[in-house]
Amino acid sequence: MSHILLKMPNSRFYSKRLLQPNANFSTSPPNPELRVFVRRKRQKNALQISKEEPKNEAPIEHKSCGLPDIEEFAYKEANGSALSRKEKSTQDTPFVGTEVASLNRMRGEPPVNWERVLEGIRKMRTSEDAPVDSMGCEKAGSSLPPRERRFAVLISSLLSSQTKDNVTHGAIQRLLQNGLLTAEAIDKADEATIKDLIYPVGFYTRKASNMKKIAQICLTKYDGDIPSSLDELLLLPGIGPKMAHLVMNVGWNNVQGICVDTHVHRICNRLGWVSQPGRKQKTSSPEQTREVLQLWLPKEEWVPINPLLVGFGQTICTPIRPRCGMCSVSELCPSAFKESSSPSSKSKKSAQK
């Protein structure tokens, strides 16, 4: 029996068991403790192998199916999680009717019934005067020679920003009465004097400073006249696109674009004339409105559209509490009665029912 034991494999495990004292060398079944220990050893090895196998395969799975799509890098939600291509396409899908109308705007196709709406606005404007009709920027210096009038329109446009027409008109009249409506006179005048004369226009301190700078530029580069190109006008301090287009139209009789202020911007969006693809509403700035409006509005309407809509916005389609009940084209306006209307508008609407 001992001879058989000597031929057993000389492993570390069995060598330990053979060296134990009082070992049982009988033919009885093996010691239960020995079997349990061996099984635990084998289970541990098997467990280690099963843990190591996915460790080797993990990089392969990540490379093959874990990479995000290109679209997922282009757009992320506010919390930073990427949208899948399917989710992104679902969220960006607009209503079909809105998308078709918006694409028509971008292709230069006019909105439905725009001529009826424009004609209706013209009729309403003839029945009620607006401040722009007598005190708009284009009225500045109307009795002056062409060169002086151009400068007066430029200064009036500068002062009109964030300022009502009657306030701008009053400032221009005070400058004219004090002989300070030419480049030469403004360049020589004290800035404090100019500031006192143009008060209370919005940002009068900054505008007085810009008036001095514009006068200096006109004297240095244009011999006291004003720039004759849109790009050069836009280089003047305080002059934006709306002002530059108005000066080009009135001062040089050169129509290069539509003059879009806050009234024109607001009304065109309310009428749905400048909606963008995939958006329920709208253009976000007067400059965007100008670009979209010029795609479809006939060029002969580019000059009259400004005073027409400005006056309409001052009298009926006001920024707050629009008088939709007094508007003759409300049935063609997608925004009619959707904003807080004036009491007279609500009473007229209820009477019509």
Protein backbone atom coordinates (compact mmCIF):
# COMPACT_ATOMS: atom_id res chain seq x y z
CA MET A 1 0.00 0.00 0.00
CA SER A 2 2.85 2.29 0.79
CA HIS A 3 4.37 1.39 -2.57
CA ILE A 4 1.30 2.76 -4.31
CA LEU A 5 1.48 5.94 -2.30
CA LEU A 6 5.08 6.52 -3.34
CA LYS A 7 4.03 6.56 -7.01
CA MET A 8 1.46 9.29 -6.56
CA PRO A 9 2.14 12.61 -8.32
CA ASN A 10 4.63 14.73 -6.48
CA SER A 11 2.48 17.91 -6.52
CA ARG A 12 2.65 20.56 -3.84
CA PHE A 13 -0.79 19.64 -2.66
CA TYR A 14 -0.11 15.95 -2.19
CA SER A 15 3.31 16.56 -0.77
CA LYS A 16 1.74 18.60 1.97
CA ARG A 17 -0.77 15.93 2.74
CA LEU A 18 1.91 13.16 2.79
CA LEU A 19 4.00 15.09 5.25
CA GLN A 20 1.15 15.45 7.66
CA PRO A 21 1.50 13.31 10.77
CA ASN A 22 -0.86 10.45 11.50
CA ALA A 23 -1.96 10.19 7.87
CA ASN A 24 -4.51 7.51 7.13
CA PHE A 25 -3.19 5.13 4.43
CA SER A 26 -6.11 2.75 4.43
CA THR A 27 -8.17 1.82 1.44
CA SER A 28 -11.13 3.64 2.84
CA PRO A 29 -12.54 6.52 0.89
CA PRO A 30 -10.45 9.67 0.83
CA ASN A 31 -10.55 12.10 3.68
CA PRO A 32 -13.60 14.41 3.27
CA GLU A 33 -11.49 17.36 4.31
CA LEU A 34 -9.06 16.61 1.46
CA ARG A 35 -11.84 16.45 -1.14
CA VAL A 36 -13.43 19.68 0.04
CA PHE A 37 -10.12 21.50 -0.14
CA VAL A 38 -9.40 20.29 -3.65
CA ARG A 39 -12.84 21.31 -4.88
CA ARG A 40 -12.49 24.79 -3.46
CA LYS A 41 -9.15 25.06 -5.22
CA ARG A 42 -10.66 24.07 -8.57
CA GLN A 43 -13.65 26.39 -8.15
CA LYS A 44 -11.32 29.27 -7.46
CA ASN A 45 -9.36 28.58 -10.61
CA ALA A 46 -12.54 28.29 -12.65
CA LEU A 47 -13.80 31.57 -11.22
CA GLN A 48 -10.57 33.35 -12.11
CA ILE A 49 -10.80 32.14 -15.68
CA SER A 50 -14.40 33.27 -16.04
CA LYS A 51 -13.45 36.70 -14.77
CA GLU A 52 -10.50 37.03 -17.10
CA GLU A 53 -12.36 36.08 -20.28
CA PRO A 54 -14.68 39.13 -20.49
CA LYS A 55 -11.70 41.27 -19.51
CA ASN A 56 -9.99 40.33 -22.76
CA GLU A 57 -13.16 40.73 -24.85
CA ALA A 58 -14.34 44.05 -23.45
CA PRO A 59 -12.19 46.31 -25.67
CA ILE A 60 -13.38 44.45 -28.76
CA GLU A 61 -17.04 45.07 -27.90
CA HIS A 62 -16.38 48.75 -27.16
CA LYS A 63 -14.68 49.30 -30.48
CA SER A 64 -17.25 47.51 -32.55
CA CYS A 65 -20.50 48.88 -31.15
CA GLY A 66 -19.73 51.54 -28.51
CA LEU A 67 -18.67 54.45 -30.76
CA PRO A 68 -21.18 57.34 -30.98
CA ASP A 69 -22.53 58.60 -34.28
CA ILE A 70 -21.16 61.78 -35.81
CA GLU A 71 -24.51 63.49 -35.19
CA GLU A 72 -24.13 62.91 -31.46
CA PHE A 73 -21.13 65.23 -31.36
CA ALA A 74 -23.10 67.98 -33.11
CA TYR A 75 -25.87 68.42 -30.57
CA LYS A 76 -26.18 67.76 -26.84
CA GLU A 77 -28.96 68.41 -24.40
CA ALA A 78 -28.61 70.93 -21.59
CA ASN A 79 -27.50 68.21 -19.16
CA GLY A 80 -24.71 67.17 -21.52
CA SER A 81 -26.11 63.78 -22.60
CA ALA A 82 -25.87 63.07 -26.28
CA LEU A 83 -28.99 62.52 -28.32
CA SER A 84 -29.17 59.50 -30.56
CA ARG A 85 -29.84 59.97 -34.24
CA LYS A 86 -33.37 58.64 -33.88
CA GLU A 87 -34.17 60.90 -30.92
CA LYS A 88 -32.64 63.90 -32.64
CA SER A 89 -34.66 63.41 -35.81
CA THR A 90 -37.85 62.99 -33.79
CA GLN A 91 -37.30 66.16 -31.77
CA ASP A 92 -36.39 68.27 -34.79
CA THR A 93 -39.41 67.23 -36.84
CA PRO A 94 -41.71 70.29 -37.16
CA PHE A 95 -45.32 70.42 -38.15
CA VAL A 96 -45.63 69.84 -41.86
CA GLY A 97 -47.68 72.94 -42.55
CA THR A 98 -45.29 75.22 -40.71
CA GLU A 99 -42.28 73.69 -42.42
CA VAL A 100 -43.73 74.12 -45.90
CA ALA A 101 -44.64 77.75 -45.29
CA SER A 102 -41.23 78.45 -43.80
CA LEU A 103 -39.39 76.83 -46.68
CA ASN A 104 -41.42 78.94 -49.08
CA ARG A 105 -40.14 82.04 -47.29
CA MET A 106 -36.56 80.85 -47.62
CA ARG A 107 -37.02 80.12 -51.33
CA GLY A 108 -38.36 83.62 -51.91
CA GLU A 109 -42.00 82.61 -52.33
CA PRO A 110 -44.35 85.21 -50.80
CA PRO A 111 -46.77 84.26 -48.00
CA VAL A 112 -50.41 83.66 -48.81
CA ASN A 113 -52.64 86.76 -48.90
CA TRP A 114 -49.74 89.17 -48.28
CA GLU A 115 -51.10 91.63 -50.86
CA ARG A 116 -54.54 91.68 -49.23
CA VAL A 117 -52.93 92.26 -45.84
CA LEU A 118 -50.72 95.06 -47.14
CA GLU A 119 -53.63 96.76 -48.86
CA GLY A 120 -55.72 96.50 -45.70
CA ILE A 121 -52.94 98.11 -43.69
CA ARG A 122 -52.69 100.95 -46.22
CA LYS A 123 -56.40 101.67 -45.84
CA MET A 124 -56.13 101.70 -42.06
CA ARG A 125 -53.14 104.04 -42.21
CA THR A 126 -55.00 106.60 -44.32
CA SER A 127 -57.68 106.94 -41.66
CA GLU A 128 -55.33 107.72 -38.77
CA ASP A 129 -52.10 109.68 -38.61
CA ALA A 130 -49.10 108.27 -36.74
CA PRO A 131 -46.09 110.07 -35.21
CA VAL A 132 -43.83 108.72 -37.96
CA ASP A 133 -45.84 110.59 -40.59
CA SER A 134 -44.67 114.00 -39.37
CA MET A 135 -41.73 113.29 -37.09
CA GLY A 136 -39.91 110.32 -38.64
CA CYS A 137 -36.17 110.39 -39.31
CA GLU A 138 -36.71 110.95 -43.01
CA LYS A 139 -38.42 114.28 -42.19
CA ALA A 140 -35.30 115.72 -40.59
CA GLY A 141 -33.86 118.77 -42.37
CA SER A 142 -36.41 118.57 -45.17
CA SER A 143 -36.00 122.30 -45.88
CA LEU A 144 -32.17 122.17 -45.98
CA PRO A 145 -29.94 121.82 -49.07
CA PRO A 146 -29.15 118.20 -50.08
CA ARG A 147 -25.76 118.01 -48.39
CA GLU A 148 -26.99 119.43 -45.07
CA ARG A 149 -30.13 117.37 -45.24
CA ARG A 150 -28.14 114.14 -45.61
CA PHE A 151 -26.21 114.98 -42.47
CA ALA A 152 -29.44 115.86 -40.63
CA VAL A 153 -31.00 112.50 -41.59
CA LEU A 154 -27.85 110.71 -40.40
CA ILE A 155 -27.93 112.46 -37.01
CA SER A 156 -31.67 111.91 -36.70
CA SER A 157 -31.18 108.19 -37.35
CA LEU A 158 -28.48 108.06 -34.70
CA LEU A 159 -30.73 109.73 -32.12
CA SER A 160 -33.78 107.60 -32.98
CA SER A 161 -32.39 104.40 -31.48
CA GLN A 162 -34.39 103.40 -28.37
CA THR A 163 -36.25 106.71 -28.63
CA LYS A 164 -39.78 107.68 -29.66
CA ASP A 165 -40.27 109.77 -32.80
CA ASN A 166 -41.58 112.83 -30.98
CA VAL A 167 -38.54 112.89 -28.66
CA THR A 168 -36.12 112.52 -31.59
CA HIS A 169 -37.94 115.21 -33.53
CA GLY A 170 -37.70 117.63 -30.59
CA ALA A 171 -33.95 117.06 -30.28
CA ILE A 172 -33.40 117.67 -33.99
CA GLN A 173 -35.38 120.91 -33.81
CA ARG A 174 -33.27 122.17 -30.88
CA LEU A 175 -30.05 121.35 -32.73
CA LEU A 176 -31.33 123.12 -35.83
CA GLN A 177 -32.38 126.21 -33.86
CA ASN A 178 -28.91 126.43 -32.31
CA GLY A 179 -27.13 125.97 -35.63
CA LEU A 180 -25.72 122.56 -34.65
CA LEU A 181 -26.91 120.36 -37.50
CA THR A 182 -23.81 120.37 -39.69
CA ALA A 183 -20.55 118.50 -39.36
CA GLU A 184 -18.58 121.72 -38.96
CA ALA A 185 -20.80 123.09 -36.19
CA ILE A 186 -20.94 119.85 -34.20
CA ASP A 187 -17.16 119.41 -34.44
CA LYS A 188 -16.62 122.84 -32.89
CA ALA A 189 -19.36 122.58 -30.25
CA ASP A 190 -18.77 121.45 -26.71
CA GLU A 191 -19.96 117.91 -26.01
CA ALA A 192 -21.79 119.04 -22.87
CA THR A 193 -23.79 121.53 -24.94
CA ILE A 194 -24.79 118.84 -27.41
CA LYS A 195 -25.78 116.52 -24.58
CA ASP A 196 -28.06 119.18 -23.07
CA LEU A 197 -29.73 119.87 -26.42
CA ILE A 198 -30.51 116.25 -27.31
CA TYR A 199 -31.75 115.26 -23.85
CA PRO A 200 -33.99 113.24 -23.16
CA VAL A 201 -33.25 110.88 -26.06
CA GLY A 202 -32.20 107.41 -24.99
CA PHE A 203 -28.49 107.08 -24.14
CA TYR A 204 -28.01 110.79 -24.81
CA THR A 205 -24.52 110.88 -23.26
CA ARG A 206 -23.19 108.17 -25.55
CA LYS A 207 -24.99 109.65 -28.56
CA ALA A 208 -23.48 113.09 -27.92
CA SER A 209 -20.04 111.50 -27.96
CA ASN A 210 -20.83 109.61 -31.18
CA MET A 211 -22.09 112.80 -32.80
CA LYS A 212 -18.70 114.41 -32.21
CA LYS A 213 -16.90 111.38 -33.63
CA ILE A 214 -19.14 111.23 -36.71
CA ALA A 215 -18.66 114.94 -37.39
CA GLN A 216 -14.88 114.52 -37.22
CA ILE A 217 -14.95 111.53 -39.59
CA CYS A 218 -17.21 113.34 -42.08
CA LEU A 219 -14.93 116.38 -42.10
CA THR A 220 -11.74 114.34 -42.43
CA LYS A 221 -12.78 111.73 -44.98
CA TYR A 222 -15.82 113.16 -46.81
CA ASP A 223 -15.26 116.93 -46.83
CA GLY A 224 -18.16 117.53 -44.47
CA ASP A 225 -20.57 115.23 -46.34
CA ILE A 226 -21.61 111.73 -45.26
CA PRO A 227 -20.45 108.34 -46.63
CA SER A 228 -22.17 107.29 -49.84
CA SER A 229 -21.95 103.52 -49.37
CA LEU A 230 -23.66 101.16 -46.98
CA ASP A 231 -20.41 99.62 -45.78
CA GLU A 232 -18.88 103.00 -44.96
CA LEU A 233 -22.00 104.12 -43.10
CA LEU A 234 -21.88 101.01 -40.97
CA LEU A 235 -18.34 101.92 -39.90
CA LEU A 236 -19.58 105.10 -38.21
CA PRO A 237 -19.96 104.86 -34.41
CA GLY A 238 -23.52 104.13 -33.32
CA ILE A 239 -24.86 103.45 -36.82
CA GLY A 240 -26.52 100.07 -37.39
CA PRO A 241 -28.10 98.40 -40.44
CA LYS A 242 -31.56 99.93 -39.97
CA MET A 243 -30.09 103.46 -39.81
CA ALA A 244 -27.67 102.87 -42.68
CA HIS A 245 -30.41 101.64 -45.04
CA LEU A 246 -32.63 104.59 -44.16
CA VAL A 247 -29.81 107.08 -44.81
CA MET A 248 -29.01 105.40 -48.14
CA ASN A 249 -32.68 105.52 -49.15
CA VAL A 250 -33.37 109.11 -48.11
CA GLY A 251 -29.94 110.74 -48.36
CA TRP A 252 -28.65 109.17 -51.56
CA ASN A 253 -31.82 107.77 -53.14
CA ASN A 254 -30.04 104.43 -53.30
CA VAL A 255 -32.21 101.50 -52.24
CA GLN A 256 -30.03 98.61 -51.11
CA GLY A 257 -32.29 97.06 -48.52
CA ILE A 258 -35.34 97.40 -46.32
CA CYS A 259 -35.19 99.58 -43.24
CA VAL A 260 -36.38 97.27 -40.46
CA ASP A 261 -36.87 98.63 -36.97
CA THR A 262 -38.61 97.08 -33.98
CA HIS A 263 -42.09 97.85 -35.35
CA VAL A 264 -41.43 96.21 -38.73
CA HIS A 265 -39.73 93.28 -37.03
CA ARG A 266 -42.62 92.71 -34.63
CA ILE A 267 -45.43 93.05 -37.19
CA CYS A 268 -43.80 90.83 -39.81
CA ASN A 269 -43.43 88.10 -37.21
CA ARG A 270 -47.01 88.49 -36.03
CA LEU A 271 -48.22 88.17 -39.61
CA GLY A 272 -46.06 85.09 -40.19
CA TRP A 273 -44.18 86.75 -43.03
CA VAL A 274 -40.68 85.84 -41.89
CA SER A 275 -40.97 82.48 -40.13
CA GLN A 276 -37.94 80.21 -40.43
CA PRO A 277 -37.82 76.47 -41.27
CA GLY A 278 -38.61 74.24 -38.32
CA ARG A 279 -39.60 77.13 -36.07
CA LYS A 280 -43.05 78.02 -34.86
CA GLN A 281 -41.78 81.54 -34.56
CA LYS A 282 -39.76 83.43 -36.01
CA THR A 283 -36.84 85.70 -36.68
CA SER A 284 -34.95 86.79 -33.58
CA SER A 285 -33.66 90.21 -34.70
CA PRO A 286 -34.58 93.05 -37.08
CA GLU A 287 -31.59 92.14 -39.25
CA GLN A 288 -32.84 88.56 -39.69
CA THR A 289 -36.27 89.94 -40.52
CA ARG A 290 -34.77 92.19 -43.17
CA GLU A 291 -32.90 89.31 -44.81
CA VAL A 292 -35.96 87.04 -44.98
CA LEU A 293 -38.32 89.83 -46.02
CA GLN A 294 -36.08 90.81 -48.92
CA LEU A 295 -36.29 87.28 -50.31
CA TRP A 296 -39.89 87.68 -51.41
CA LEU A 297 -41.11 91.29 -51.01
CA PRO A 298 -41.03 93.13 -54.39
CA LYS A 299 -38.32 95.77 -54.46
CA GLU A 300 -40.77 98.58 -55.17
CA GLU A 301 -42.18 97.96 -51.69
CA TRP A 302 -38.82 98.13 -49.90
CA VAL A 303 -38.98 101.87 -49.17
CA PRO A 304 -42.69 102.41 -48.34
CA ILE A 305 -42.92 99.28 -46.17
CA ASN A 306 -41.05 100.98 -43.31
CA PRO A 307 -43.23 104.07 -42.66
CA LEU A 308 -46.32 102.00 -43.45
CA LEU A 309 -45.65 99.34 -40.82
CA VAL A 310 -44.07 101.74 -38.33
CA GLY A 311 -47.22 103.87 -38.32
CA PHE A 312 -49.38 100.74 -38.12
CA GLY A 313 -47.33 99.60 -35.14
CA GLN A 314 -47.68 102.98 -33.44
CA THR A 315 -51.46 103.13 -33.77
CA ILE A 316 -53.01 99.63 -34.01
CA CYS A 317 -50.50 96.75 -33.90
CA THR A 318 -48.83 98.15 -30.81
CA PRO A 319 -46.10 96.29 -28.88
CA ILE A 320 -48.30 95.84 -25.80
CA ARG A 321 -52.07 95.30 -25.88
CA PRO A 322 -52.49 95.39 -29.67
CA ARG A 323 -55.85 96.64 -30.90
CA CYS A 324 -56.76 93.48 -32.82
CA GLY A 325 -60.47 94.33 -32.62
CA MET A 326 -59.82 97.52 -34.58
CA CYS A 327 -57.71 95.78 -37.23
CA SER A 328 -59.41 95.06 -40.57
CA VAL A 329 -56.97 92.25 -41.45
CA SER A 330 -57.20 90.35 -38.15
CA GLU A 331 -58.87 87.39 -39.88
CA LEU A 332 -55.72 87.00 -41.99
CA CYS A 333 -53.33 87.35 -39.05
CA PRO A 334 -52.23 84.15 -37.29
CA SER A 335 -51.43 86.14 -34.13
CA ALA A 336 -54.74 88.00 -33.84
CA PHE A 337 -56.25 88.04 -30.34
CA LYS A 338 -53.50 85.74 -29.04
CA GLU A 339 -51.76 88.53 -27.13
CA SER A 340 -53.24 90.74 -24.44
CA SER A 341 -55.53 93.08 -26.32
CA SER A 342 -56.80 96.47 -25.27
CA PRO A 343 -60.26 96.65 -23.63
CA SER A 344 -61.74 98.27 -26.75
CA SER A 345 -60.49 95.38 -28.88
CA LYS A 346 -62.01 92.78 -26.54
CA SER A 347 -65.37 94.58 -26.44
CA LYS A 348 -65.50 94.81 -30.22
CA LYS A 349 -64.62 91.13 -30.55
CA SER A 350 -67.42 90.13 -28.15
CA ALA A 351 -69.85 92.37 -30.01
CA GLN A 352 -68.96 90.67 -33.30
CA LYS A 353 -69.84 87.30 -31.74
